[in-house]
Amino acid sequence: MIEIINKIKQSTIKFHQLGTALLFVIILVFLSACSFQNYGKLAMSSKAQEAFRIGHVYPEYNYYYSGRENMPYAIVGIDKQYSVPSKFWIRFDADSAKLKKMASGLYRDTKDRPYGSDILTPDGKKIGIWYSNIIYASVKIDAEKQSVTPLYVNPELRRGH
C-alpha cells in the first residue's frame, strides 16, 4: 500500500514539474512576441540606395543623420508623420547637393559597402528609407507616439577605436 502511495506521489510531482515547465515556455513565447511587436525592419532597396547616391530628396520625408555631418554613420529619410526622438539622430534640411555629399561621405572604416533600405513598420508599411554601410541595424517603431528609432552599434566602438 505504501508503495502505491509513493508511486502516486512521484507521478504527481512529475506532472506538476511538466506543467510548470510548459507554463514557463508559454510565458516565454508570449513575452518574446510582445517584445518584438514594436520592431519594424529594413528591407534592402536598390531604389532607396540610388536615391541617396544621386541626392534625390523625397518631399514627404524629414532627413536625419547619425554620426558626424561630414562623415555620418547612417542617413535616414522618415515620413513626416513620424518623429525621431533620439539625441543620436540629427535632423537636417536636405537638398539634392547636401544629401549626395553626405551619402558619399559615409564613415568608411568598414569593409562593407553602403546600401539602401526601405524602413517598414511591423505590418509592412513603408515609412522611410535608410542608407549606411552598417550591416546589423534595426528600427524600433512606436505607432502610438508616431516615433521611429533606428538602432545600430556605433562602428567606431565596435572596432575598438
N, C-alpha and C. Protein backbone atom coordinates (compact mmCIF):
# COMPACT_ATOMS: atom_id res chain seq x y z
N MET A 1 0.82 -1.18 0.00
CA MET A 1 0.00 0.00 0.00
C MET A 1 0.87 1.26 0.00
N ILE A 2 1.92 1.25 0.83
CA ILE A 2 2.83 2.40 0.90
C ILE A 2 3.53 2.60 -0.44
N GLU A 3 3.86 1.49 -1.10
CA GLU A 3 4.49 1.58 -2.42
C GLU A 3 3.58 2.27 -3.43
N ILE A 4 2.33 1.95 -3.41
CA ILE A 4 1.36 2.55 -4.33
C ILE A 4 1.24 4.05 -4.06
N ILE A 5 1.18 4.43 -2.80
CA ILE A 5 1.08 5.85 -2.42
C ILE A 5 2.33 6.59 -2.87
N ASN A 6 3.51 6.01 -2.69
CA ASN A 6 4.76 6.65 -3.13
C ASN A 6 4.79 6.83 -4.65
N LYS A 7 4.31 5.84 -5.40
CA LYS A 7 4.28 5.95 -6.87
C LYS A 7 3.32 7.06 -7.31
N ILE A 8 2.20 7.15 -6.63
CA ILE A 8 1.23 8.22 -6.95
C ILE A 8 1.85 9.58 -6.66
N LYS A 9 2.56 9.72 -5.54
CA LYS A 9 3.22 10.99 -5.19
C LYS A 9 4.26 11.36 -6.25
N GLN A 10 5.07 10.37 -6.68
CA GLN A 10 6.09 10.63 -7.69
C GLN A 10 5.47 11.05 -9.02
N SER A 11 4.39 10.39 -9.40
CA SER A 11 3.70 10.75 -10.64
C SER A 11 3.13 12.16 -10.55
N THR A 12 2.57 12.51 -9.41
CA THR A 12 2.00 13.84 -9.21
C THR A 12 3.10 14.91 -9.28
N ILE A 13 4.25 14.63 -8.66
CA ILE A 13 5.37 15.58 -8.69
C ILE A 13 5.85 15.77 -10.13
N LYS A 14 6.00 14.68 -10.90
CA LYS A 14 6.44 14.78 -12.29
C LYS A 14 5.43 15.56 -13.12
N PHE A 15 4.13 15.32 -12.88
CA PHE A 15 3.09 16.04 -13.61
C PHE A 15 3.17 17.54 -13.31
N HIS A 16 3.36 17.91 -12.05
CA HIS A 16 3.48 19.32 -11.68
C HIS A 16 4.73 19.95 -12.29
N GLN A 17 5.84 19.21 -12.31
CA GLN A 17 7.06 19.73 -12.92
C GLN A 17 6.86 19.96 -14.41
N LEU A 18 6.21 19.03 -15.08
CA LEU A 18 5.93 19.17 -16.50
C LEU A 18 5.00 20.35 -16.75
N GLY A 19 3.98 20.48 -15.93
CA GLY A 19 3.04 21.60 -16.05
C GLY A 19 3.72 22.94 -15.84
N THR A 20 4.61 23.01 -14.86
CA THR A 20 5.35 24.24 -14.59
C THR A 20 6.27 24.58 -15.76
N ALA A 21 6.96 23.58 -16.29
CA ALA A 21 7.84 23.81 -17.43
C ALA A 21 7.05 24.28 -18.65
N LEU A 22 5.90 23.67 -18.89
CA LEU A 22 5.05 24.05 -20.02
C LEU A 22 4.54 25.49 -19.85
N LEU A 23 4.13 25.84 -18.65
CA LEU A 23 3.67 27.19 -18.37
C LEU A 23 4.80 28.19 -18.60
N PHE A 24 6.02 27.86 -18.17
CA PHE A 24 7.18 28.73 -18.37
C PHE A 24 7.43 28.96 -19.86
N VAL A 25 7.35 27.91 -20.66
CA VAL A 25 7.58 28.02 -22.11
C VAL A 25 6.51 28.92 -22.74
N ILE A 26 5.26 28.74 -22.34
CA ILE A 26 4.17 29.57 -22.88
C ILE A 26 4.38 31.04 -22.54
N ILE A 27 4.76 31.33 -21.31
CA ILE A 27 5.03 32.70 -20.89
C ILE A 27 6.21 33.28 -21.67
N LEU A 28 7.26 32.50 -21.85
CA LEU A 28 8.43 32.95 -22.59
C LEU A 28 8.08 33.28 -24.05
N VAL A 29 7.30 32.45 -24.69
CA VAL A 29 6.88 32.70 -26.07
C VAL A 29 6.03 33.97 -26.13
N PHE A 30 5.13 34.13 -25.19
CA PHE A 30 4.26 35.32 -25.16
C PHE A 30 5.09 36.59 -24.97
N LEU A 31 6.03 36.56 -24.05
CA LEU A 31 6.87 37.74 -23.81
C LEU A 31 7.75 38.06 -25.01
N SER A 32 8.25 37.04 -25.68
CA SER A 32 9.06 37.26 -26.88
C SER A 32 8.24 37.92 -27.97
N ALA A 33 7.03 37.46 -28.15
CA ALA A 33 6.16 38.04 -29.17
C ALA A 33 5.85 39.49 -28.83
N CYS A 34 5.62 39.79 -27.57
CA CYS A 34 5.33 41.17 -27.16
C CYS A 34 6.54 42.07 -27.36
N SER A 35 7.72 41.59 -27.07
CA SER A 35 8.90 42.44 -27.14
C SER A 35 9.29 42.77 -28.57
N PHE A 36 8.92 41.95 -29.55
CA PHE A 36 9.29 42.22 -30.94
C PHE A 36 8.18 42.92 -31.72
N GLN A 37 7.02 43.13 -31.11
CA GLN A 37 5.92 43.70 -31.87
C GLN A 37 6.17 45.15 -32.25
N ASN A 38 7.09 45.85 -31.60
CA ASN A 38 7.36 47.24 -31.91
C ASN A 38 8.56 47.42 -32.83
N TYR A 39 9.07 46.36 -33.39
CA TYR A 39 10.22 46.49 -34.27
C TYR A 39 9.79 46.33 -35.72
N GLY A 40 10.20 47.33 -36.50
CA GLY A 40 9.98 47.24 -37.94
C GLY A 40 11.16 46.51 -38.54
N LYS A 41 11.39 46.74 -39.82
CA LYS A 41 12.55 46.09 -40.43
C LYS A 41 13.09 46.95 -41.56
N LEU A 42 14.31 46.66 -41.90
CA LEU A 42 14.98 47.29 -43.03
C LEU A 42 14.94 46.28 -44.18
N ALA A 43 14.33 46.68 -45.28
CA ALA A 43 14.25 45.80 -46.46
C ALA A 43 15.13 46.40 -47.55
N MET A 44 16.18 45.67 -47.93
CA MET A 44 17.11 46.15 -48.94
C MET A 44 16.35 46.69 -50.15
N SER A 45 16.82 47.86 -50.65
CA SER A 45 16.13 48.51 -51.76
C SER A 45 17.14 49.24 -52.64
N SER A 46 17.23 48.80 -53.89
CA SER A 46 18.13 49.48 -54.83
C SER A 46 17.61 50.89 -55.13
N LYS A 47 16.29 51.07 -55.07
CA LYS A 47 15.70 52.39 -55.30
C LYS A 47 16.11 53.37 -54.20
N ALA A 48 16.07 52.92 -52.94
CA ALA A 48 16.50 53.77 -51.83
C ALA A 48 17.99 54.07 -51.95
N GLN A 49 18.78 53.07 -52.29
CA GLN A 49 20.22 53.26 -52.45
C GLN A 49 20.51 54.29 -53.52
N GLU A 50 19.84 54.17 -54.65
CA GLU A 50 20.04 55.10 -55.75
C GLU A 50 19.62 56.53 -55.36
N ALA A 51 18.53 56.65 -54.61
CA ALA A 51 18.06 57.98 -54.20
C ALA A 51 19.14 58.70 -53.39
N PHE A 52 19.78 58.01 -52.46
CA PHE A 52 20.85 58.63 -51.68
C PHE A 52 22.07 58.91 -52.55
N ARG A 53 22.41 57.96 -53.39
CA ARG A 53 23.60 58.10 -54.22
C ARG A 53 23.53 59.31 -55.16
N ILE A 54 22.35 59.56 -55.73
CA ILE A 54 22.21 60.68 -56.66
C ILE A 54 21.69 61.95 -55.99
N GLY A 55 21.32 61.84 -54.70
CA GLY A 55 20.84 63.01 -53.98
C GLY A 55 19.38 63.34 -54.22
N HIS A 56 18.57 62.32 -54.47
CA HIS A 56 17.13 62.55 -54.67
C HIS A 56 16.45 62.72 -53.31
N VAL A 57 15.85 63.89 -53.10
CA VAL A 57 15.18 64.19 -51.84
C VAL A 57 13.68 63.98 -52.02
N TYR A 58 13.10 63.12 -51.19
CA TYR A 58 11.66 62.90 -51.20
C TYR A 58 11.00 63.97 -50.32
N PRO A 59 10.08 64.75 -50.87
CA PRO A 59 9.47 65.83 -50.08
C PRO A 59 8.62 65.35 -48.91
N GLU A 60 8.18 64.10 -48.93
CA GLU A 60 7.35 63.58 -47.84
C GLU A 60 8.16 63.09 -46.64
N TYR A 61 9.48 63.21 -46.73
CA TYR A 61 10.35 62.75 -45.64
C TYR A 61 11.09 63.91 -44.97
N ASN A 62 11.33 63.74 -43.67
CA ASN A 62 12.31 64.55 -42.95
C ASN A 62 13.59 63.72 -42.91
N TYR A 63 14.73 64.38 -43.03
CA TYR A 63 16.01 63.67 -43.10
C TYR A 63 16.82 63.86 -41.83
N TYR A 64 17.50 62.78 -41.42
CA TYR A 64 18.31 62.75 -40.20
C TYR A 64 19.61 62.03 -40.51
N TYR A 65 20.64 62.38 -39.77
CA TYR A 65 21.89 61.62 -39.85
C TYR A 65 22.34 61.29 -38.45
N SER A 66 23.17 60.29 -38.34
CA SER A 66 23.77 59.90 -37.07
C SER A 66 25.27 59.83 -37.29
N GLY A 67 26.02 60.38 -36.35
CA GLY A 67 27.47 60.47 -36.50
C GLY A 67 27.83 61.92 -36.75
N ARG A 68 28.86 62.12 -37.55
CA ARG A 68 29.28 63.49 -37.89
C ARG A 68 28.62 63.92 -39.20
N GLU A 69 28.32 65.19 -39.31
CA GLU A 69 27.65 65.67 -40.51
C GLU A 69 28.49 65.41 -41.77
N ASN A 70 29.81 65.57 -41.66
CA ASN A 70 30.68 65.37 -42.82
C ASN A 70 31.09 63.90 -43.00
N MET A 71 30.72 63.04 -42.04
CA MET A 71 31.04 61.61 -42.13
C MET A 71 30.03 60.82 -41.29
N PRO A 72 28.76 60.80 -41.75
CA PRO A 72 27.73 60.11 -40.96
C PRO A 72 27.89 58.59 -40.99
N TYR A 73 27.37 57.97 -39.93
CA TYR A 73 27.32 56.50 -39.90
C TYR A 73 26.13 56.02 -40.72
N ALA A 74 25.05 56.79 -40.66
CA ALA A 74 23.83 56.41 -41.37
C ALA A 74 23.01 57.68 -41.63
N ILE A 75 22.18 57.60 -42.67
CA ILE A 75 21.27 58.68 -43.02
C ILE A 75 19.90 58.04 -43.22
N VAL A 76 18.86 58.69 -42.71
CA VAL A 76 17.50 58.19 -42.91
C VAL A 76 16.59 59.31 -43.39
N GLY A 77 15.61 58.92 -44.15
CA GLY A 77 14.50 59.79 -44.50
C GLY A 77 13.27 59.16 -43.89
N ILE A 78 12.55 59.92 -43.06
CA ILE A 78 11.41 59.38 -42.31
C ILE A 78 10.15 60.16 -42.66
N ASP A 79 9.07 59.44 -42.89
CA ASP A 79 7.78 60.04 -43.18
C ASP A 79 7.50 61.17 -42.18
N LYS A 80 7.03 62.31 -42.68
CA LYS A 80 6.82 63.49 -41.84
C LYS A 80 5.77 63.28 -40.75
N GLN A 81 4.99 62.22 -40.84
CA GLN A 81 4.02 61.92 -39.78
C GLN A 81 4.69 61.32 -38.55
N TYR A 82 5.96 60.93 -38.68
CA TYR A 82 6.70 60.31 -37.59
C TYR A 82 7.80 61.24 -37.10
N SER A 83 8.20 61.06 -35.84
CA SER A 83 9.33 61.81 -35.30
C SER A 83 10.46 60.82 -35.02
N VAL A 84 11.66 61.36 -34.81
CA VAL A 84 12.82 60.54 -34.43
C VAL A 84 13.35 61.14 -33.13
N PRO A 85 12.79 60.69 -31.99
CA PRO A 85 13.12 61.30 -30.70
C PRO A 85 14.40 60.74 -30.08
N SER A 86 15.52 60.99 -30.70
CA SER A 86 16.79 60.48 -30.20
C SER A 86 17.85 61.55 -30.35
N LYS A 87 18.66 61.70 -29.31
CA LYS A 87 19.75 62.68 -29.38
C LYS A 87 20.86 62.23 -30.33
N PHE A 88 20.81 60.99 -30.76
CA PHE A 88 21.84 60.46 -31.66
C PHE A 88 21.50 60.68 -33.14
N TRP A 89 20.29 61.14 -33.41
CA TRP A 89 19.86 61.40 -34.78
C TRP A 89 19.57 62.88 -34.91
N ILE A 90 20.27 63.54 -35.84
CA ILE A 90 20.16 64.99 -36.02
C ILE A 90 19.39 65.27 -37.31
N ARG A 91 18.34 66.04 -37.16
CA ARG A 91 17.55 66.41 -38.34
C ARG A 91 18.31 67.47 -39.14
N PHE A 92 18.23 67.38 -40.47
CA PHE A 92 18.86 68.40 -41.32
C PHE A 92 17.95 68.70 -42.50
N ASP A 93 18.10 69.89 -43.02
CA ASP A 93 17.35 70.29 -44.21
C ASP A 93 18.07 69.73 -45.43
N ALA A 94 17.45 68.75 -46.03
CA ALA A 94 18.08 68.08 -47.17
C ALA A 94 17.76 68.79 -48.47
N ASP A 95 18.79 69.00 -49.24
CA ASP A 95 18.62 69.36 -50.64
C ASP A 95 19.47 68.37 -51.41
N SER A 96 19.33 68.34 -52.71
CA SER A 96 19.99 67.32 -53.51
C SER A 96 21.50 67.30 -53.31
N ALA A 97 22.14 68.47 -53.37
CA ALA A 97 23.60 68.52 -53.25
C ALA A 97 24.06 68.06 -51.87
N LYS A 98 23.37 68.51 -50.82
CA LYS A 98 23.77 68.14 -49.45
C LYS A 98 23.58 66.64 -49.22
N LEU A 99 22.45 66.09 -49.65
CA LEU A 99 22.20 64.66 -49.45
C LEU A 99 23.24 63.81 -50.18
N LYS A 100 23.53 64.19 -51.41
CA LYS A 100 24.52 63.45 -52.20
C LYS A 100 25.90 63.52 -51.55
N LYS A 101 26.28 64.70 -51.06
CA LYS A 101 27.58 64.88 -50.41
C LYS A 101 27.66 64.05 -49.12
N MET A 102 26.59 64.10 -48.32
CA MET A 102 26.59 63.32 -47.08
C MET A 102 26.65 61.82 -47.36
N ALA A 103 25.88 61.38 -48.36
CA ALA A 103 25.87 59.96 -48.70
C ALA A 103 27.23 59.49 -49.20
N SER A 104 27.92 60.34 -49.94
CA SER A 104 29.25 59.95 -50.45
C SER A 104 30.31 60.04 -49.36
N GLY A 105 30.00 60.73 -48.26
CA GLY A 105 30.97 60.88 -47.18
C GLY A 105 30.73 59.96 -45.99
N LEU A 106 29.98 58.88 -46.19
CA LEU A 106 29.71 57.95 -45.08
C LEU A 106 31.00 57.48 -44.42
N TYR A 107 30.91 57.21 -43.13
CA TYR A 107 32.02 56.61 -42.38
C TYR A 107 32.44 55.33 -43.10
N ARG A 108 33.72 55.20 -43.40
CA ARG A 108 34.18 54.08 -44.24
C ARG A 108 35.17 53.14 -43.58
N ASP A 109 35.33 53.20 -42.28
CA ASP A 109 36.28 52.29 -41.64
C ASP A 109 35.64 50.92 -41.44
N THR A 110 35.09 50.42 -42.51
CA THR A 110 34.48 49.10 -42.51
C THR A 110 34.59 48.57 -43.94
N LYS A 111 34.65 47.28 -44.09
CA LYS A 111 34.79 46.70 -45.43
C LYS A 111 33.46 46.62 -46.16
N ASP A 112 32.37 46.86 -45.44
CA ASP A 112 31.05 46.74 -46.03
C ASP A 112 30.71 47.96 -46.89
N ARG A 113 30.05 47.70 -48.00
CA ARG A 113 29.65 48.77 -48.93
C ARG A 113 28.33 49.37 -48.48
N PRO A 114 28.13 50.66 -48.75
CA PRO A 114 26.86 51.29 -48.39
C PRO A 114 25.69 50.63 -49.14
N TYR A 115 24.56 50.60 -48.47
CA TYR A 115 23.36 50.02 -49.07
C TYR A 115 22.15 50.85 -48.67
N GLY A 116 21.11 50.75 -49.44
CA GLY A 116 19.87 51.43 -49.14
C GLY A 116 18.80 50.43 -48.76
N SER A 117 17.91 50.87 -47.91
CA SER A 117 16.80 50.01 -47.48
C SER A 117 15.54 50.85 -47.31
N ASP A 118 14.41 50.19 -47.47
CA ASP A 118 13.15 50.80 -47.07
C ASP A 118 12.97 50.50 -45.59
N ILE A 119 12.43 51.45 -44.85
CA ILE A 119 12.10 51.25 -43.44
C ILE A 119 10.63 50.89 -43.39
N LEU A 120 10.34 49.70 -42.85
CA LEU A 120 8.97 49.19 -42.81
C LEU A 120 8.48 49.04 -41.37
N THR A 121 7.19 49.31 -41.17
CA THR A 121 6.56 49.09 -39.87
C THR A 121 6.41 47.59 -39.66
N PRO A 122 6.04 47.16 -38.44
CA PRO A 122 5.84 45.72 -38.21
C PRO A 122 4.80 45.09 -39.15
N ASP A 123 3.84 45.88 -39.61
CA ASP A 123 2.84 45.34 -40.53
C ASP A 123 3.20 45.55 -42.01
N GLY A 124 4.44 46.05 -42.28
CA GLY A 124 4.94 46.13 -43.65
C GLY A 124 4.74 47.44 -44.37
N LYS A 125 4.23 48.46 -43.69
CA LYS A 125 4.02 49.76 -44.33
C LYS A 125 5.35 50.51 -44.42
N LYS A 126 5.65 51.06 -45.60
CA LYS A 126 6.90 51.82 -45.79
C LYS A 126 6.74 53.20 -45.17
N ILE A 127 7.68 53.54 -44.26
CA ILE A 127 7.63 54.86 -43.61
C ILE A 127 8.95 55.61 -43.75
N GLY A 128 9.87 55.08 -44.52
CA GLY A 128 11.12 55.79 -44.68
C GLY A 128 12.15 55.00 -45.46
N ILE A 129 13.35 55.60 -45.53
CA ILE A 129 14.47 54.98 -46.22
C ILE A 129 15.73 55.12 -45.36
N TRP A 130 16.66 54.22 -45.55
CA TRP A 130 17.90 54.12 -44.76
C TRP A 130 19.07 54.01 -45.72
N TYR A 131 20.21 54.62 -45.34
CA TYR A 131 21.43 54.48 -46.14
C TYR A 131 22.62 54.41 -45.19
N SER A 132 23.39 53.34 -45.30
CA SER A 132 24.54 53.14 -44.43
C SER A 132 25.35 51.95 -44.93
N ASN A 133 26.51 51.74 -44.31
CA ASN A 133 27.25 50.51 -44.55
C ASN A 133 27.25 49.66 -43.28
N ILE A 134 26.45 50.03 -42.31
CA ILE A 134 26.30 49.24 -41.08
C ILE A 134 25.33 48.11 -41.37
N ILE A 135 25.82 46.90 -41.25
CA ILE A 135 25.03 45.72 -41.62
C ILE A 135 24.00 45.36 -40.56
N TYR A 136 24.37 45.39 -39.31
CA TYR A 136 23.47 44.96 -38.24
C TYR A 136 22.75 46.16 -37.65
N ALA A 137 21.53 46.39 -38.14
CA ALA A 137 20.74 47.52 -37.69
C ALA A 137 19.28 47.08 -37.59
N SER A 138 18.53 47.81 -36.81
CA SER A 138 17.10 47.54 -36.68
C SER A 138 16.39 48.87 -36.48
N VAL A 139 15.10 48.81 -36.39
CA VAL A 139 14.32 50.04 -36.22
C VAL A 139 13.16 49.77 -35.28
N LYS A 140 13.10 50.57 -34.22
CA LYS A 140 12.01 50.45 -33.25
C LYS A 140 10.95 51.49 -33.61
N ILE A 141 9.71 51.06 -33.65
CA ILE A 141 8.62 51.94 -34.06
C ILE A 141 7.55 51.95 -32.97
N ASP A 142 7.19 53.14 -32.54
CA ASP A 142 6.10 53.31 -31.58
C ASP A 142 4.93 53.92 -32.35
N ALA A 143 3.97 53.08 -32.73
CA ALA A 143 2.84 53.54 -33.54
C ALA A 143 1.98 54.55 -32.78
N GLU A 144 1.85 54.35 -31.48
CA GLU A 144 1.02 55.25 -30.68
C GLU A 144 1.61 56.66 -30.63
N LYS A 145 2.92 56.75 -30.44
CA LYS A 145 3.59 58.05 -30.38
C LYS A 145 4.05 58.53 -31.75
N GLN A 146 3.86 57.71 -32.78
CA GLN A 146 4.30 58.03 -34.14
C GLN A 146 5.79 58.37 -34.16
N SER A 147 6.59 57.48 -33.53
CA SER A 147 8.03 57.72 -33.49
C SER A 147 8.80 56.52 -34.05
N VAL A 148 9.99 56.84 -34.56
CA VAL A 148 10.87 55.84 -35.16
C VAL A 148 12.25 56.02 -34.53
N THR A 149 12.86 54.93 -34.11
CA THR A 149 14.21 54.99 -33.56
C THR A 149 15.09 53.97 -34.29
N PRO A 150 15.89 54.41 -35.26
CA PRO A 150 16.84 53.49 -35.90
C PRO A 150 17.93 53.12 -34.88
N LEU A 151 18.28 51.84 -34.83
CA LEU A 151 19.23 51.33 -33.85
C LEU A 151 20.37 50.59 -34.54
N TYR A 152 21.58 50.80 -34.04
CA TYR A 152 22.75 50.09 -34.54
C TYR A 152 23.87 50.27 -33.53
N VAL A 153 24.91 49.48 -33.67
CA VAL A 153 26.10 49.62 -32.84
C VAL A 153 27.05 50.58 -33.54
N ASN A 154 27.49 51.59 -32.83
CA ASN A 154 28.43 52.56 -33.38
C ASN A 154 29.64 51.82 -33.96
N PRO A 155 29.93 52.01 -35.26
CA PRO A 155 31.02 51.25 -35.87
C PRO A 155 32.39 51.57 -35.29
N GLU A 156 32.57 52.77 -34.74
CA GLU A 156 33.86 53.10 -34.13
C GLU A 156 34.04 52.37 -32.80
N LEU A 157 32.95 52.17 -32.07
CA LEU A 157 33.04 51.42 -30.82
C LEU A 157 33.19 49.93 -31.10
N ARG A 158 32.50 49.46 -32.12
CA ARG A 158 32.56 48.05 -32.49
C ARG A 158 33.97 47.65 -32.86
N ARG A 159 34.72 48.54 -33.47
CA ARG A 159 36.07 48.21 -33.90
C ARG A 159 37.10 48.55 -32.82
N GLY A 160 36.62 49.03 -31.67
CA GLY A 160 37.54 49.29 -30.55
C GLY A 160 38.32 50.59 -30.67
N HIS A 161 37.83 51.58 -31.43
CA HIS A 161 38.52 52.85 -31.58
C HIS A 161 38.29 53.72 -30.37
